[in-house]
């Protein structure tokens, strides 16, 4: 099966709900979920930092995806995970925006990969 398809489905059915759960639950989120968010933020930042370095050296067109994870997604999860229930409203709002952005982006690419709509140049 195509890895991009699996990655898209993973984001749609696992990442987006996890982000929205935290964003909507806010201060009622359990401490364990905050710890998971912190660890995920650390893993995302390190992994995508490495991938960004490799893609930068190779001159890849998809470097921006890794940079988005290094400078937005990872630090946001670290921030929320570190601050736990004292996270300001803006942190939760940014997480919700990130979730909806990921949902839209991955749904669009899923539809395009299935050729359900005609590509335009």
PDB file of N, CA and C in Angstrom:
ATOM      1  N   UNK A   1       0.848  -1.181   0.000  1.00  0.00           N
ATOM      2  CA  UNK A   1       0.000   0.000   0.000  1.00  0.00           C
ATOM      3  C   UNK A   1       0.891   1.241   0.000  1.00  0.00           C
ATOM      4  N   UNK A   2       0.427   2.290  -0.620  1.00  0.00           N
ATOM      5  CA  UNK A   2       1.169   3.537  -0.754  1.00  0.00           C
ATOM      6  C   UNK A   2       1.411   4.175   0.624  1.00  0.00           C
ATOM      7  N   UNK A   3       2.675   4.508   0.914  1.00  0.00           N
ATOM      8  CA  UNK A   3       3.002   5.094   2.221  1.00  0.00           C
ATOM      9  C   UNK A   3       2.382   6.474   2.406  1.00  0.00           C
ATOM     10  N   UNK A   4       2.249   7.235   1.314  1.00  0.00           N
ATOM     11  CA  UNK A   4       1.615   8.556   1.434  1.00  0.00           C
ATOM     12  C   UNK A   4       0.142   8.425   1.807  1.00  0.00           C
ATOM     13  N   UNK A   5      -0.504   7.417   1.252  1.00  0.00           N
ATOM     14  CA  UNK A   5      -1.904   7.157   1.590  1.00  0.00           C
ATOM     15  C   UNK A   5      -2.030   6.795   3.065  1.00  0.00           C
ATOM     16  N   UNK A   6      -1.175   5.889   3.528  1.00  0.00           N
ATOM     17  CA  UNK A   6      -1.204   5.502   4.943  1.00  0.00           C
ATOM     18  C   UNK A   6      -0.913   6.683   5.857  1.00  0.00           C
ATOM     19  N   UNK A   7       0.042   7.507   5.471  1.00  0.00           N
ATOM     20  CA  UNK A   7       0.379   8.681   6.263  1.00  0.00           C
ATOM     21  C   UNK A   7      -0.800   9.653   6.333  1.00  0.00           C
ATOM     22  N   UNK A   8      -1.466   9.843   5.205  1.00  0.00           N
ATOM     23  CA  UNK A   8      -2.638  10.710   5.175  1.00  0.00           C
ATOM     24  C   UNK A   8      -3.759  10.182   6.047  1.00  0.00           C
ATOM     25  N   UNK A   9      -4.029   8.885   5.945  1.00  0.00           N
ATOM     26  CA  UNK A   9      -5.073   8.278   6.770  1.00  0.00           C
ATOM     27  C   UNK A   9      -4.724   8.348   8.251  1.00  0.00           C
ATOM     28  N   UNK A  10      -3.456   8.147   8.572  1.00  0.00           N
ATOM     29  CA  UNK A  10      -3.008   8.261   9.963  1.00  0.00           C
ATOM     30  C   UNK A  10      -3.269   9.666  10.499  1.00  0.00           C
ATOM     31  N   UNK A  11      -2.954  10.677   9.711  1.00  0.00           N
ATOM     32  CA  UNK A  11      -3.190  12.050  10.158  1.00  0.00           C
ATOM     33  C   UNK A  11      -4.683  12.334  10.316  1.00  0.00           C
ATOM     34  N   UNK A  12      -5.493  11.858   9.366  1.00  0.00           N
ATOM     35  CA  UNK A  12      -6.930  12.114   9.415  1.00  0.00           C
ATOM     36  C   UNK A  12      -7.595  11.410  10.597  1.00  0.00           C
ATOM     37  N   UNK A  13      -7.236  10.148  10.839  1.00  0.00           N
ATOM     38  CA  UNK A  13      -7.957   9.351  11.831  1.00  0.00           C
ATOM     39  C   UNK A  13      -7.271   9.238  13.193  1.00  0.00           C
ATOM     40  N   UNK A  14      -6.027   9.682  13.319  1.00  0.00           N
ATOM     41  CA  UNK A  14      -5.349   9.610  14.623  1.00  0.00           C
ATOM     42  C   UNK A  14      -4.868  10.977  15.091  1.00  0.00           C
ATOM     43  N   UNK A  15      -4.121  11.679  14.255  1.00  0.00           N
ATOM     44  CA  UNK A  15      -3.530  12.952  14.668  1.00  0.00           C
ATOM     45  C   UNK A  15      -4.607  14.019  14.878  1.00  0.00           C
ATOM     46  N   UNK A  16      -5.473  14.187  13.889  1.00  0.00           N
ATOM     47  CA  UNK A  16      -6.513  15.226  13.988  1.00  0.00           C
ATOM     48  C   UNK A  16      -7.411  15.008  15.209  1.00  0.00           C
ATOM     49  N   UNK A  17      -7.940  13.801  15.441  1.00  0.00           N
ATOM     50  CA  UNK A  17      -8.760  13.623  16.644  1.00  0.00           C
ATOM     51  C   UNK A  17      -7.994  13.872  17.947  1.00  0.00           C
ATOM     52  N   UNK A  18      -6.726  13.456  17.996  1.00  0.00           N
ATOM     53  CA  UNK A  18      -5.916  13.691  19.199  1.00  0.00           C
ATOM     54  C   UNK A  18      -5.749  15.187  19.451  1.00  0.00           C
ATOM     55  N   UNK A  19      -5.406  15.931  18.417  1.00  0.00           N
ATOM     56  CA  UNK A  19      -5.241  17.385  18.553  1.00  0.00           C
ATOM     57  C   UNK A  19      -6.556  18.047  18.958  1.00  0.00           C
ATOM     58  N   UNK A  20      -7.655  17.644  18.322  1.00  0.00           N
ATOM     59  CA  UNK A  20      -8.946  18.257  18.644  1.00  0.00           C
ATOM     60  C   UNK A  20      -9.405  17.887  20.053  1.00  0.00           C
ATOM     61  N   UNK A  21      -9.098  16.685  20.490  1.00  0.00           N
ATOM     62  CA  UNK A  21      -9.436  16.303  21.861  1.00  0.00           C
ATOM     63  C   UNK A  21      -8.768  17.245  22.857  1.00  0.00           C
ATOM     64  N   UNK A  22      -7.487  17.478  22.674  1.00  0.00           N
ATOM     65  CA  UNK A  22      -6.766  18.380  23.578  1.00  0.00           C
ATOM     66  C   UNK A  22      -7.303  19.804  23.451  1.00  0.00           C
ATOM     67  N   UNK A  23      -7.478  20.260  22.205  1.00  0.00           N
ATOM     68  CA  UNK A  23      -7.928  21.634  21.975  1.00  0.00           C
ATOM     69  C   UNK A  23      -9.311  21.897  22.551  1.00  0.00           C
ATOM     70  N   UNK A  24     -10.198  20.921  22.492  1.00  0.00           N
ATOM     71  CA  UNK A  24     -11.561  21.112  22.988  1.00  0.00           C
ATOM     72  C   UNK A  24     -11.691  20.819  24.481  1.00  0.00           C
ATOM     73  N   UNK A  25     -10.895  19.900  24.985  1.00  0.00           N
ATOM     74  CA  UNK A  25     -10.954  19.566  26.414  1.00  0.00           C
ATOM     75  C   UNK A  25     -10.260  20.620  27.268  1.00  0.00           C
ATOM     76  N   UNK A  26      -9.237  21.217  26.722  1.00  0.00           N
ATOM     77  CA  UNK A  26      -8.449  22.253  27.384  1.00  0.00           C
ATOM     78  C   UNK A  26      -8.015  21.837  28.776  1.00  0.00           C
ATOM     79  N   UNK A  27      -8.361  22.583  29.787  1.00  0.00           N
ATOM     80  CA  UNK A  27      -7.862  22.347  31.148  1.00  0.00           C
ATOM     81  C   UNK A  27      -8.408  21.064  31.772  1.00  0.00           C
ATOM     82  N   UNK A  28      -9.421  20.462  31.179  1.00  0.00           N
ATOM     83  CA  UNK A  28      -9.937  19.207  31.735  1.00  0.00           C
ATOM     84  C   UNK A  28      -9.199  17.986  31.177  1.00  0.00           C
ATOM     85  N   UNK A  29      -8.240  18.224  30.280  1.00  0.00           N
ATOM     86  CA  UNK A  29      -7.440  17.142  29.724  1.00  0.00           C
ATOM     87  C   UNK A  29      -6.624  16.501  30.838  1.00  0.00           C
ATOM     88  N   UNK A  30      -6.505  15.182  30.818  1.00  0.00           N
ATOM     89  CA  UNK A  30      -5.761  14.487  31.867  1.00  0.00           C
ATOM     90  C   UNK A  30      -4.259  14.749  31.727  1.00  0.00           C
ATOM     91  N   UNK A  31      -3.565  14.615  32.838  1.00  0.00           N
ATOM     92  CA  UNK A  31      -2.121  14.839  32.852  1.00  0.00           C
ATOM     93  C   UNK A  31      -1.401  13.864  31.928  1.00  0.00           C
ATOM     94  N   UNK A  32      -1.904  12.645  31.811  1.00  0.00           N
ATOM     95  CA  UNK A  32      -1.275  11.649  30.940  1.00  0.00           C
ATOM     96  C   UNK A  32      -1.291  12.115  29.488  1.00  0.00           C
ATOM     97  N   UNK A  33      -2.388  12.732  29.061  1.00  0.00           N
ATOM     98  CA  UNK A  33      -2.479  13.222  27.685  1.00  0.00           C
ATOM     99  C   UNK A  33      -1.476  14.347  27.467  1.00  0.00           C
ATOM    100  N   UNK A  34      -1.295  15.201  28.466  1.00  0.00           N
ATOM    101  CA  UNK A  34      -0.289  16.262  28.355  1.00  0.00           C
ATOM    102  C   UNK A  34       1.106  15.671  28.239  1.00  0.00           C
ATOM    103  N   UNK A  35       1.385  14.628  28.990  1.00  0.00           N
ATOM    104  CA  UNK A  35       2.694  13.971  28.917  1.00  0.00           C
ATOM    105  C   UNK A  35       2.906  13.353  27.529  1.00  0.00           C
ATOM    106  N   UNK A  36       1.860  12.724  26.992  1.00  0.00           N
ATOM    107  CA  UNK A  36       1.943  12.149  25.644  1.00  0.00           C
ATOM    108  C   UNK A  36       2.205  13.252  24.626  1.00  0.00           C
ATOM    109  N   UNK A  37       1.510  14.377  24.762  1.00  0.00           N
ATOM    110  CA  UNK A  37       1.708  15.503  23.847  1.00  0.00           C
ATOM    111  C   UNK A  37       3.151  16.003  23.911  1.00  0.00           C
ATOM    112  N   UNK A  38       3.702  16.085  25.112  1.00  0.00           N
ATOM    113  CA  UNK A  38       5.077  16.554  25.267  1.00  0.00           C
ATOM    114  C   UNK A  38       6.057  15.594  24.592  1.00  0.00           C
ATOM    115  N   UNK A  39       5.903  14.310  24.839  1.00  0.00           N
ATOM    116  CA  UNK A  39       6.799  13.310  24.243  1.00  0.00           C
ATOM    117  C   UNK A  39       6.659  13.307  22.721  1.00  0.00           C
ATOM    118  N   UNK A  40       5.428  13.385  22.227  1.00  0.00           N
ATOM    119  CA  UNK A  40       5.219  13.460  20.780  1.00  0.00           C
ATOM    120  C   UNK A  40       5.866  14.705  20.189  1.00  0.00           C
ATOM    121  N   UNK A  41       5.758  15.822  20.893  1.00  0.00           N
ATOM    122  CA  UNK A  41       6.390  17.052  20.426  1.00  0.00           C
ATOM    123  C   UNK A  41       7.896  16.905  20.312  1.00  0.00           C
ATOM    124  N   UNK A  42       8.488  16.250  21.280  1.00  0.00           N
ATOM    125  CA  UNK A  42       9.928  16.007  21.259  1.00  0.00           C
ATOM    126  C   UNK A  42      10.304  15.088  20.094  1.00  0.00           C
ATOM    127  N   UNK A  43       9.572  14.007  19.934  1.00  0.00           N
ATOM    128  CA  UNK A  43       9.851  13.057  18.849  1.00  0.00           C
ATOM    129  C   UNK A  43       9.665  13.721  17.484  1.00  0.00           C
ATOM    130  N   UNK A  44       8.574  14.451  17.320  1.00  0.00           N
ATOM    131  CA  UNK A  44       8.294  15.125  16.045  1.00  0.00           C
ATOM    132  C   UNK A  44       9.385  16.124  15.708  1.00  0.00           C
ATOM    133  N   UNK A  45       9.796  16.912  16.693  1.00  0.00           N
ATOM    134  CA  UNK A  45      10.828  17.925  16.456  1.00  0.00           C
ATOM    135  C   UNK A  45      12.152  17.280  16.055  1.00  0.00           C
ATOM    136  N   UNK A  46      12.559  16.252  16.768  1.00  0.00           N
ATOM    137  CA  UNK A  46      13.830  15.592  16.462  1.00  0.00           C
ATOM    138  C   UNK A  46      13.778  14.847  15.124  1.00  0.00           C
ATOM    139  N   UNK A  47      12.724  14.072  14.908  1.00  0.00           N
ATOM    140  CA  UNK A  47      12.616  13.300  13.671  1.00  0.00           C
ATOM    141  C   UNK A  47      12.559  14.211  12.446  1.00  0.00           C
ATOM    142  N   UNK A  48      11.675  15.206  12.497  1.00  0.00           N
ATOM    143  CA  UNK A  48      11.532  16.085  11.335  1.00  0.00           C
ATOM    144  C   UNK A  48      12.719  17.030  11.193  1.00  0.00           C
ATOM    145  N   UNK A  49      13.412  17.306  12.278  1.00  0.00           N
ATOM    146  CA  UNK A  49      14.651  18.074  12.180  1.00  0.00           C
ATOM    147  C   UNK A  49      15.687  17.307  11.380  1.00  0.00           C
ATOM    148  N   UNK A  50      15.822  16.023  11.679  1.00  0.00           N
ATOM    149  CA  UNK A  50      16.737  15.169  10.926  1.00  0.00           C
ATOM    150  C   UNK A  50      16.311  15.077   9.464  1.00  0.00           C
ATOM    151  N   UNK A  51      15.026  14.814   9.234  1.00  0.00           N
ATOM    152  CA  UNK A  51      14.520  14.703   7.863  1.00  0.00           C
ATOM    153  C   UNK A  51      14.695  16.016   7.091  1.00  0.00           C
ATOM    154  N   UNK A  52      14.525  17.150   7.762  1.00  0.00           N
ATOM    155  CA  UNK A  52      14.704  18.448   7.116  1.00  0.00           C
ATOM    156  C   UNK A  52      16.158  18.627   6.692  1.00  0.00           C
ATOM    157  N   UNK A  53      17.076  18.211   7.551  1.00  0.00           N
ATOM    158  CA  UNK A  53      18.493  18.308   7.221  1.00  0.00           C
ATOM    159  C   UNK A  53      18.811  17.470   5.985  1.00  0.00           C
ATOM    160  N   UNK A  54      18.322  16.241   5.959  1.00  0.00           N
ATOM    161  CA  UNK A  54      18.561  15.343   4.828  1.00  0.00           C
ATOM    162  C   UNK A  54      17.945  15.913   3.553  1.00  0.00           C
ATOM    163  N   UNK A  55      16.729  16.403   3.649  1.00  0.00           N
ATOM    164  CA  UNK A  55      16.054  16.945   2.468  1.00  0.00           C
ATOM    165  C   UNK A  55      16.695  18.249   1.996  1.00  0.00           C
ATOM    166  N   UNK A  56      17.195  19.051   2.939  1.00  0.00           N
ATOM    167  CA  UNK A  56      17.882  20.286   2.571  1.00  0.00           C
ATOM    168  C   UNK A  56      19.138  19.960   1.763  1.00  0.00           C
ATOM    169  N   UNK A  57      19.905  18.985   2.232  1.00  0.00           N
ATOM    170  CA  UNK A  57      21.128  18.583   1.536  1.00  0.00           C
ATOM    171  C   UNK A  57      20.818  18.027   0.148  1.00  0.00           C
ATOM    172  N   UNK A  58      19.659  17.369   0.009  1.00  0.00           N
ATOM    173  CA  UNK A  58      19.276  16.770  -1.268  1.00  0.00           C
ATOM    174  C   UNK A  58      18.552  17.753  -2.184  1.00  0.00           C
ATOM    175  N   UNK A  59      18.207  18.940  -1.670  1.00  0.00           N
ATOM    176  CA  UNK A  59      17.479  19.919  -2.467  1.00  0.00           C
ATOM    177  C   UNK A  59      16.041  19.528  -2.739  1.00  0.00           C
ATOM    178  N   UNK A  60      15.422  18.849  -1.799  1.00  0.00           N
ATOM    179  CA  UNK A  60      14.065  18.340  -1.973  1.00  0.00           C
ATOM    180  C   UNK A  60      13.017  19.455  -1.987  1.00  0.00           C
ATOM    181  N   UNK A  61      12.001  19.253  -2.825  1.00  0.00           N
ATOM    182  CA  UNK A  61      10.883  20.196  -2.903  1.00  0.00           C
ATOM    183  C   UNK A  61       9.948  20.078  -1.698  1.00  0.00           C
ATOM    184  N   UNK A  62      10.005  18.955  -0.977  1.00  0.00           N
ATOM    185  CA  UNK A  62       9.093  18.739   0.148  1.00  0.00           C
ATOM    186  C   UNK A  62       9.705  19.099   1.500  1.00  0.00           C
ATOM    187  N   UNK A  63      10.794  19.832   1.496  1.00  0.00           N
ATOM    188  CA  UNK A  63      11.448  20.268   2.732  1.00  0.00           C
ATOM    189  C   UNK A  63      10.486  21.042   3.631  1.00  0.00           C
ATOM    190  N   UNK A  64       9.584  21.791   3.031  1.00  0.00           N
ATOM    191  CA  UNK A  64       8.662  22.638   3.792  1.00  0.00           C
ATOM    192  C   UNK A  64       7.803  21.832   4.774  1.00  0.00           C
ATOM    193  N   UNK A  65       7.479  20.591   4.417  1.00  0.00           N
ATOM    194  CA  UNK A  65       6.653  19.760   5.299  1.00  0.00           C
ATOM    195  C   UNK A  65       7.394  19.506   6.610  1.00  0.00           C
ATOM    196  N   UNK A  66       8.662  19.156   6.502  1.00  0.00           N
ATOM    197  CA  UNK A  66       9.463  18.894   7.694  1.00  0.00           C
ATOM    198  C   UNK A  66       9.687  20.170   8.501  1.00  0.00           C
ATOM    199  N   UNK A  67       9.921  21.281   7.821  1.00  0.00           N
ATOM    200  CA  UNK A  67      10.119  22.546   8.533  1.00  0.00           C
ATOM    201  C   UNK A  67       8.858  22.969   9.282  1.00  0.00           C
ATOM    202  N   UNK A  68       7.700  22.710   8.703  1.00  0.00           N
ATOM    203  CA  UNK A  68       6.435  23.005   9.382  1.00  0.00           C
ATOM    204  C   UNK A  68       6.331  22.200  10.676  1.00  0.00           C
ATOM    205  N   UNK A  69       6.722  20.956  10.628  1.00  0.00           N
ATOM    206  CA  UNK A  69       6.679  20.119  11.830  1.00  0.00           C
ATOM    207  C   UNK A  69       7.723  20.565  12.856  1.00  0.00           C
ATOM    208  N   UNK A  70       8.907  20.983  12.392  1.00  0.00           N
ATOM    209  CA  UNK A  70       9.983  21.404  13.303  1.00  0.00           C
ATOM    210  C   UNK A  70       9.660  22.725  13.983  1.00  0.00           C
ATOM    211  N   UNK A  71       9.085  23.670  13.235  1.00  0.00           N
ATOM    212  CA  UNK A  71       8.890  25.016  13.772  1.00  0.00           C
ATOM    213  C   UNK A  71       7.477  25.324  14.257  1.00  0.00           C
ATOM    214  N   UNK A  72       6.505  24.465  13.939  1.00  0.00           N
ATOM    215  CA  UNK A  72       5.129  24.730  14.374  1.00  0.00           C
ATOM    216  C   UNK A  72       4.580  23.575  15.217  1.00  0.00           C
ATOM    217  N   UNK A  73       4.452  22.401  14.616  1.00  0.00           N
ATOM    218  CA  UNK A  73       3.764  21.285  15.271  1.00  0.00           C
ATOM    219  C   UNK A  73       4.516  20.811  16.520  1.00  0.00           C
ATOM    220  N   UNK A  74       5.796  20.497  16.361  1.00  0.00           N
ATOM    221  CA  UNK A  74       6.580  20.010  17.494  1.00  0.00           C
ATOM    222  C   UNK A  74       6.625  20.989  18.659  1.00  0.00           C
ATOM    223  N   UNK A  75       7.035  22.242  18.410  1.00  0.00           N
ATOM    224  CA  UNK A  75       7.076  23.207  19.513  1.00  0.00           C
ATOM    225  C   UNK A  75       5.712  23.467  20.168  1.00  0.00           C
ATOM    226  N   UNK A  76       4.641  23.437  19.381  1.00  0.00           N
ATOM    227  CA  UNK A  76       3.308  23.642  19.941  1.00  0.00           C
ATOM    228  C   UNK A  76       2.947  22.506  20.905  1.00  0.00           C
ATOM    229  N   UNK A  77       3.237  21.278  20.516  1.00  0.00           N
ATOM    230  CA  UNK A  77       2.973  20.142  21.404  1.00  0.00           C
ATOM    231  C   UNK A  77       3.864  20.188  22.644  1.00  0.00           C
ATOM    232  N   UNK A  78       5.116  20.583  22.472  1.00  0.00           N
ATOM    233  CA  UNK A  78       6.014  20.736  23.620  1.00  0.00           C
ATOM    234  C   UNK A  78       5.481  21.804  24.581  1.00  0.00           C
ATOM    235  N   UNK A  79       5.038  22.916  24.026  1.00  0.00           N
ATOM    236  CA  UNK A  79       4.519  24.027  24.829  1.00  0.00           C
ATOM    237  C   UNK A  79       3.286  23.605  25.626  1.00  0.00           C
ATOM    238  N   UNK A  80       2.343  22.964  24.940  1.00  0.00           N
ATOM    239  CA  UNK A  80       1.117  22.537  25.610  1.00  0.00           C
ATOM    240  C   UNK A  80       1.408  21.432  26.619  1.00  0.00           C
ATOM    241  N   UNK A  81       2.247  20.488  26.227  1.00  0.00           N
ATOM    242  CA  UNK A  81       2.602  19.404  27.139  1.00  0.00           C
ATOM    243  C   UNK A  81       3.348  19.890  28.366  1.00  0.00           C
ATOM    244  N   UNK A  82       4.186  20.900  28.204  1.00  0.00           N
ATOM    245  CA  UNK A  82       4.951  21.442  29.331  1.00  0.00           C
ATOM    246  C   UNK A  82       4.064  22.252  30.270  1.00  0.00           C
ATOM    247  N   UNK A  83       3.217  23.089  29.700  1.00  0.00           N
ATOM    248  CA  UNK A  83       2.366  23.973  30.508  1.00  0.00           C
ATOM    249  C   UNK A  83       1.136  23.279  31.076  1.00  0.00           C
ATOM    250  N   UNK A  84       0.801  22.135  30.519  1.00  0.00           N
ATOM    251  CA  UNK A  84      -0.345  21.338  30.952  1.00  0.00           C
ATOM    252  C   UNK A  84      -1.594  22.202  31.115  1.00  0.00           C
ATOM    253  N   UNK A  85      -2.218  22.156  32.265  1.00  0.00           N
ATOM    254  CA  UNK A  85      -3.490  22.850  32.456  1.00  0.00           C
ATOM    255  C   UNK A  85      -3.354  24.370  32.550  1.00  0.00           C
ATOM    256  N   UNK A  86      -2.139  24.860  32.625  1.00  0.00           N
ATOM    257  CA  UNK A  86      -1.920  26.303  32.632  1.00  0.00           C
ATOM    258  C   UNK A  86      -1.686  26.855  31.219  1.00  0.00           C
ATOM    259  N   UNK A  87      -1.872  26.022  30.217  1.00  0.00           N
ATOM    260  CA  UNK A  87      -1.704  26.474  28.836  1.00  0.00           C
ATOM    261  C   UNK A  87      -2.712  27.571  28.542  1.00  0.00           C
ATOM    262  N   UNK A  88      -2.257  28.714  28.011  1.00  0.00           N
ATOM    263  CA  UNK A  88      -3.189  29.782  27.651  1.00  0.00           C
ATOM    264  C   UNK A  88      -4.122  29.363  26.511  1.00  0.00           C
ATOM    265  N   UNK A  89      -5.217  30.051  26.410  1.00  0.00           N
ATOM    266  CA  UNK A  89      -6.220  29.764  25.383  1.00  0.00           C
ATOM    267  C   UNK A  89      -5.604  29.746  23.984  1.00  0.00           C
ATOM    268  N   UNK A  90      -4.668  30.649  23.727  1.00  0.00           N
ATOM    269  CA  UNK A  90      -4.047  30.738  22.400  1.00  0.00           C
ATOM    270  C   UNK A  90      -3.375  29.427  22.001  1.00  0.00           C
ATOM    271  N   UNK A  91      -2.776  28.725  22.945  1.00  0.00           N
ATOM    272  CA  UNK A  91      -2.140  27.450  22.650  1.00  0.00           C
ATOM    273  C   UNK A  91      -3.144  26.433  22.152  1.00  0.00           C
ATOM    274  N   UNK A  92      -4.283  26.364  22.820  1.00  0.00           N
ATOM    275  CA  UNK A  92      -5.338  25.434  22.404  1.00  0.00           C
ATOM    276  C   UNK A  92      -5.929  25.833  21.054  1.00  0.00           C
ATOM    277  N   UNK A  93      -6.096  27.127  20.845  1.00  0.00           N
ATOM    278  CA  UNK A  93      -6.645  27.610  19.580  1.00  0.00           C
ATOM    279  C   UNK A  93      -5.695  27.279  18.427  1.00  0.00           C
ATOM    280  N   UNK A  94      -4.403  27.476  18.642  1.00  0.00           N
ATOM    281  CA  UNK A  94      -3.424  27.135  17.606  1.00  0.00           C
ATOM    282  C   UNK A  94      -3.418  25.632  17.314  1.00  0.00           C
ATOM    283  N   UNK A  95      -3.615  24.827  18.338  1.00  0.00           N
ATOM    284  CA  UNK A  95      -3.677  23.384  18.132  1.00  0.00           C
ATOM    285  C   UNK A  95      -4.914  23.013  17.314  1.00  0.00           C
ATOM    286  N   UNK A  96      -6.041  23.656  17.573  1.00  0.00           N
ATOM    287  CA  UNK A  96      -7.259  23.405  16.787  1.00  0.00           C
ATOM    288  C   UNK A  96      -7.059  23.831  15.333  1.00  0.00           C
ATOM    289  N   UNK A  97      -6.435  24.979  15.129  1.00  0.00           N
ATOM    290  CA  UNK A  97      -6.149  25.448  13.765  1.00  0.00           C
ATOM    291  C   UNK A  97      -5.238  24.460  13.051  1.00  0.00           C
ATOM    292  N   UNK A  98      -4.240  23.964  13.755  1.00  0.00           N
ATOM    293  CA  UNK A  98      -3.322  22.973  13.181  1.00  0.00           C
ATOM    294  C   UNK A  98      -4.073  21.695  12.819  1.00  0.00           C
ATOM    295  N   UNK A  99      -4.981  21.269  13.691  1.00  0.00           N
ATOM    296  CA  UNK A  99      -5.763  20.055  13.422  1.00  0.00           C
ATOM    297  C   UNK A  99      -6.621  20.226  12.180  1.00  0.00           C
ATOM    298  N   UNK A 100      -7.324  21.350  12.072  1.00  0.00           N
ATOM    299  CA  UNK A 100      -8.179  21.562  10.908  1.00  0.00           C
ATOM    300  C   UNK A 100      -7.357  21.726   9.634  1.00  0.00           C
ATOM    301  N   UNK A 101      -6.186  22.349   9.757  1.00  0.00           N
ATOM    302  CA  UNK A 101      -5.292  22.455   8.600  1.00  0.00           C
ATOM    303  C   UNK A 101      -4.835  21.086   8.130  1.00  0.00           C
ATOM    304  N   UNK A 102      -4.458  20.231   9.072  1.00  0.00           N
ATOM    305  CA  UNK A 102      -4.024  18.872   8.731  1.00  0.00           C
ATOM    306  C   UNK A 102      -5.176  18.084   8.114  1.00  0.00           C
ATOM    307  N   UNK A 103      -6.374  18.240   8.664  1.00  0.00           N
ATOM    308  CA  UNK A 103      -7.537  17.548   8.126  1.00  0.00           C
ATOM    309  C   UNK A 103      -7.797  17.963   6.680  1.00  0.00           C
ATOM    310  N   UNK A 104      -7.787  19.251   6.433  1.00  0.00           N
ATOM    311  CA  UNK A 104      -8.023  19.746   5.079  1.00  0.00           C
ATOM    312  C   UNK A 104      -6.943  19.315   4.109  1.00  0.00           C
ATOM    313  N   UNK A 105      -5.695  19.463   4.513  1.00  0.00           N
ATOM    314  CA  UNK A 105      -4.569  19.118   3.648  1.00  0.00           C
ATOM    315  C   UNK A 105      -4.572  17.636   3.294  1.00  0.00           C
ATOM    316  N   UNK A 106      -4.711  16.780   4.290  1.00  0.00           N
ATOM    317  CA  UNK A 106      -4.646  15.340   4.033  1.00  0.00           C
ATOM    318  C   UNK A 106      -5.905  14.817   3.340  1.00  0.00           C
ATOM    319  N   UNK A 107      -7.044  15.405   3.616  1.00  0.00           N
ATOM    320  CA  UNK A 107      -8.265  15.012   2.898  1.00  0.00           C
ATOM    321  C   UNK A 107      -8.149  15.392   1.427  1.00  0.00           C
ATOM    322  N   UNK A 108      -7.658  16.581   1.150  1.00  0.00           N
ATOM    323  CA  UNK A 108      -7.464  17.024  -0.236  1.00  0.00           C
ATOM    324  C   UNK A 108      -6.540  16.068  -0.978  1.00  0.00           C
ATOM    325  N   UNK A 109      -5.410  15.728  -0.355  1.00  0.00           N
ATOM    326  CA  UNK A 109      -4.459  14.837  -1.018  1.00  0.00           C
ATOM    327  C   UNK A 109      -5.000  13.410  -1.155  1.00  0.00           C
ATOM    328  N   UNK A 110      -5.814  12.999  -0.222  1.00  0.00           N
ATOM    329  CA  UNK A 110      -6.454  11.690  -0.332  1.00  0.00           C
ATOM    330  C   UNK A 110      -7.406  11.670  -1.531  1.00  0.00           C
ATOM    331  N   UNK A 111      -8.187  12.711  -1.669  1.00  0.00           N
ATOM    332  CA  UNK A 111      -9.114  12.819  -2.801  1.00  0.00           C
ATOM    333  C   UNK A 111      -8.346  12.881  -4.115  1.00  0.00           C
ATOM    334  N   UNK A 112      -7.271  13.666  -4.139  1.00  0.00           N
ATOM    335  CA  UNK A 112      -6.473  13.779  -5.365  1.00  0.00           C
ATOM    336  C   UNK A 112      -5.826  12.447  -5.734  1.00  0.00           C
ATOM    337  N   UNK A 113      -5.364  11.702  -4.730  1.00  0.00           N
ATOM    338  CA  UNK A 113      -4.703  10.426  -5.017  1.00  0.00           C
ATOM    339  C   UNK A 113      -5.698   9.385  -5.528  1.00  0.00           C
ATOM    340  N   UNK A 114      -6.957   9.557  -5.190  1.00  0.00           N
ATOM    341  CA  UNK A 114      -7.990   8.624  -5.651  1.00  0.00           C
ATOM    342  C   UNK A 114      -8.591   9.080  -6.973  1.00  0.00           C
ATOM    343  N   UNK A 115      -8.076  10.195  -7.497  1.00  0.00           N
ATOM    344  CA  UNK A 115      -8.559  10.760  -8.761  1.00  0.00           C
ATOM    345  C   UNK A 115     -10.058  11.014  -8.746  1.00  0.00           C
ATOM    346  N   UNK A 116     -10.572  11.462  -7.595  1.00  0.00           N
ATOM    347  CA  UNK A 116     -12.008  11.735  -7.507  1.00  0.00           C
ATOM    348  C   UNK A 116     -12.368  13.092  -8.083  1.00  0.00           C
ATOM    349  N   UNK A 117     -11.373  13.958  -8.197  1.00  0.00           N
ATOM    350  CA  UNK A 117     -11.610  15.234  -8.859  1.00  0.00           C
ATOM    351  C   UNK A 117     -10.517  15.434  -9.906  1.00  0.00           C
ATOM    352  N   UNK A 118     -10.843  16.211 -10.911  1.00  0.00           N
ATOM    353  CA  UNK A 118      -9.911  16.420 -12.002  1.00  0.00           C
ATOM    354  C   UNK A 118      -8.834  17.406 -11.577  1.00  0.00           C
ATOM    355  N   UNK A 119      -7.578  17.071 -11.877  1.00  0.00           N
ATOM    356  CA  UNK A 119      -6.462  17.970 -11.575  1.00  0.00           C
ATOM    357  C   UNK A 119      -6.463  19.123 -12.543  1.00  0.00           C
ATOM    358  N   UNK A 120      -6.160  20.310 -12.018  1.00  0.00           N
ATOM    359  CA  UNK A 120      -6.078  21.510 -12.863  1.00  0.00           C
ATOM    360  C   UNK A 120      -4.656  22.046 -12.785  1.00  0.00           C
ATOM    361  N   UNK A 121      -4.189  22.567 -13.904  1.00  0.00           N
ATOM    362  CA  UNK A 121      -2.847  23.136 -13.932  1.00  0.00           C
ATOM    363  C   UNK A 121      -2.853  24.608 -13.672  1.00  0.00           C
TER     364      UNK A 121
END
